[in-house]
Structure formats: structure tokens, C-alpha cells
């Protein structure tokens, strides 16, 4: 019995992840973060690096 009362069987087809799409999205977000960090630093709005 599963945690919420259902069967504990996992459907492999439902758990499939498109890794190329996931990696592309991660790269896009990293580029956006780098761009925004640079822009905010130049504008004097980002004074503390986390």
C-alpha cells in the first residue's frame, strides 16, 4: 500500500523526463540569472553577492 492508500507501483512511462528540454531550460535560466546579475550590479542595485 502506498503513502496515500494507492498502489506503490510507479508507471515508468509517466516518470519519463525529456532531459534535452530540461537541460536547455536550465541553461536558459542560468544565462538569464547571469545577465540580470550583471545589469543590476552595473546599475548599483545589487551590492551583495549571494
N, C-alpha and C. Protein backbone atom coordinates (compact mmCIF):
# COMPACT_ATOMS: atom_id res chain seq x y z
N UNK A 1 0.85 -1.18 0.00
CA UNK A 1 0.00 0.00 0.00
C UNK A 1 0.89 1.24 0.00
N UNK A 2 0.55 2.25 -0.78
CA UNK A 2 1.34 3.46 -0.89
C UNK A 2 1.09 4.42 0.27
N UNK A 3 1.75 5.53 0.23
CA UNK A 3 1.65 6.52 1.30
C UNK A 3 0.24 7.05 1.43
N UNK A 4 -0.43 7.27 0.34
CA UNK A 4 -1.78 7.83 0.37
C UNK A 4 -2.85 6.79 0.10
N UNK A 5 -2.54 5.53 0.31
CA UNK A 5 -3.52 4.47 0.17
C UNK A 5 -3.57 3.84 -1.20
N UNK A 6 -2.86 4.36 -2.18
CA UNK A 6 -2.86 3.78 -3.52
C UNK A 6 -1.77 2.73 -3.66
N UNK A 7 -1.72 2.11 -4.81
CA UNK A 7 -0.66 1.14 -5.07
C UNK A 7 0.68 1.85 -5.16
N UNK A 8 1.73 1.20 -4.75
CA UNK A 8 3.07 1.78 -4.74
C UNK A 8 3.77 1.59 -6.08
N UNK A 9 3.08 1.05 -7.07
CA UNK A 9 3.69 0.81 -8.38
C UNK A 9 3.90 2.14 -9.11
N UNK A 10 5.07 2.31 -9.68
CA UNK A 10 5.38 3.51 -10.45
C UNK A 10 5.25 3.18 -11.93
N UNK A 11 4.60 4.05 -12.66
CA UNK A 11 4.44 3.88 -14.10
C UNK A 11 5.66 4.48 -14.79
N UNK A 12 6.54 3.65 -15.38
CA UNK A 12 7.76 4.17 -15.99
C UNK A 12 7.49 5.17 -17.12
N UNK A 13 6.41 5.01 -17.84
CA UNK A 13 6.10 5.92 -18.94
C UNK A 13 5.74 7.30 -18.40
N UNK A 14 5.06 7.35 -17.26
CA UNK A 14 4.67 8.63 -16.68
C UNK A 14 5.86 9.35 -16.05
N UNK A 15 6.86 8.60 -15.64
CA UNK A 15 8.02 9.20 -14.97
C UNK A 15 9.11 9.61 -15.96
N UNK A 16 8.92 9.37 -17.23
CA UNK A 16 9.93 9.71 -18.23
C UNK A 16 10.11 11.22 -18.32
N UNK A 17 11.35 11.66 -18.38
CA UNK A 17 11.66 13.09 -18.44
C UNK A 17 12.48 13.35 -19.69
N UNK A 18 12.13 14.40 -20.39
CA UNK A 18 12.89 14.79 -21.58
C UNK A 18 14.10 15.57 -21.12
N UNK A 19 15.25 14.90 -21.03
CA UNK A 19 16.46 15.52 -20.48
C UNK A 19 16.98 16.65 -21.33
N UNK A 20 16.84 16.56 -22.65
CA UNK A 20 17.32 17.65 -23.51
C UNK A 20 16.56 18.94 -23.24
N UNK A 21 15.25 18.84 -23.09
CA UNK A 21 14.43 20.01 -22.79
C UNK A 21 14.77 20.55 -21.41
N UNK A 22 14.95 19.66 -20.45
CA UNK A 22 15.29 20.07 -19.09
C UNK A 22 16.64 20.78 -19.05
N UNK A 23 17.64 20.23 -19.71
CA UNK A 23 18.96 20.86 -19.75
C UNK A 23 18.92 22.21 -20.47
N UNK A 24 18.16 22.29 -21.54
CA UNK A 24 18.04 23.55 -22.27
C UNK A 24 17.41 24.63 -21.38
N UNK A 25 16.42 24.25 -20.60
CA UNK A 25 15.75 25.21 -19.71
C UNK A 25 16.69 25.66 -18.59
N UNK A 26 17.49 24.73 -18.06
CA UNK A 26 18.46 25.06 -17.01
C UNK A 26 19.49 26.06 -17.55
N UNK A 27 19.99 25.82 -18.75
CA UNK A 27 20.97 26.72 -19.35
C UNK A 27 20.35 28.09 -19.58
N UNK A 28 19.12 28.13 -20.07
CA UNK A 28 18.45 29.40 -20.31
C UNK A 28 18.29 30.19 -19.01
N UNK A 29 17.90 29.52 -17.94
CA UNK A 29 17.73 30.20 -16.66
C UNK A 29 19.07 30.69 -16.11
N UNK A 30 20.12 29.91 -16.29
CA UNK A 30 21.44 30.32 -15.82
C UNK A 30 21.90 31.58 -16.58
N UNK A 31 21.67 31.61 -17.89
CA UNK A 31 22.03 32.80 -18.68
C UNK A 31 21.23 34.02 -18.25
N UNK A 32 19.95 33.83 -17.98
CA UNK A 32 19.12 34.95 -17.53
C UNK A 32 19.61 35.48 -16.18
N UNK A 33 19.95 34.57 -15.28
CA UNK A 33 20.45 34.99 -13.96
C UNK A 33 21.76 35.75 -14.09
N UNK A 34 22.66 35.27 -14.93
CA UNK A 34 23.94 35.95 -15.13
C UNK A 34 23.72 37.34 -15.72
N UNK A 35 22.83 37.44 -16.70
CA UNK A 35 22.54 38.73 -17.32
C UNK A 35 21.97 39.71 -16.30
N UNK A 36 20.99 39.25 -15.53
CA UNK A 36 20.35 40.13 -14.55
C UNK A 36 21.33 40.54 -13.45
N UNK A 37 22.19 39.63 -13.04
CA UNK A 37 23.18 39.97 -12.02
C UNK A 37 24.12 41.07 -12.53
N UNK A 38 24.56 40.94 -13.77
CA UNK A 38 25.43 41.96 -14.35
C UNK A 38 24.73 43.29 -14.50
N UNK A 39 23.50 43.27 -14.97
CA UNK A 39 22.75 44.50 -15.18
C UNK A 39 22.46 45.20 -13.86
N UNK A 40 22.08 44.44 -12.85
CA UNK A 40 21.79 45.05 -11.55
C UNK A 40 23.06 45.55 -10.87
N UNK A 41 24.15 44.86 -11.06
CA UNK A 41 25.42 45.32 -10.49
C UNK A 41 25.85 46.64 -11.12
N UNK A 42 25.74 46.76 -12.44
CA UNK A 42 26.11 47.99 -13.13
C UNK A 42 25.21 49.15 -12.71
N UNK A 43 23.94 48.85 -12.42
CA UNK A 43 23.01 49.89 -12.03
C UNK A 43 23.12 50.23 -10.56
N UNK A 44 23.98 49.51 -9.83
CA UNK A 44 24.16 49.78 -8.41
C UNK A 44 23.04 49.26 -7.54
N UNK A 45 22.23 48.37 -8.09
CA UNK A 45 21.09 47.84 -7.34
C UNK A 45 21.39 46.48 -6.71
N UNK A 46 22.55 45.94 -7.00
CA UNK A 46 22.95 44.66 -6.42
C UNK A 46 24.30 44.86 -5.76
N UNK A 47 24.27 45.02 -4.45
CA UNK A 47 25.52 45.32 -3.76
C UNK A 47 26.10 44.12 -3.03
N UNK A 48 25.29 43.11 -2.76
CA UNK A 48 25.76 41.94 -2.01
C UNK A 48 25.66 40.71 -2.89
N UNK A 49 26.78 40.05 -3.11
CA UNK A 49 26.79 38.82 -3.88
C UNK A 49 26.39 37.67 -2.95
N UNK A 50 25.45 36.88 -3.40
CA UNK A 50 24.99 35.75 -2.57
C UNK A 50 25.73 34.51 -2.92
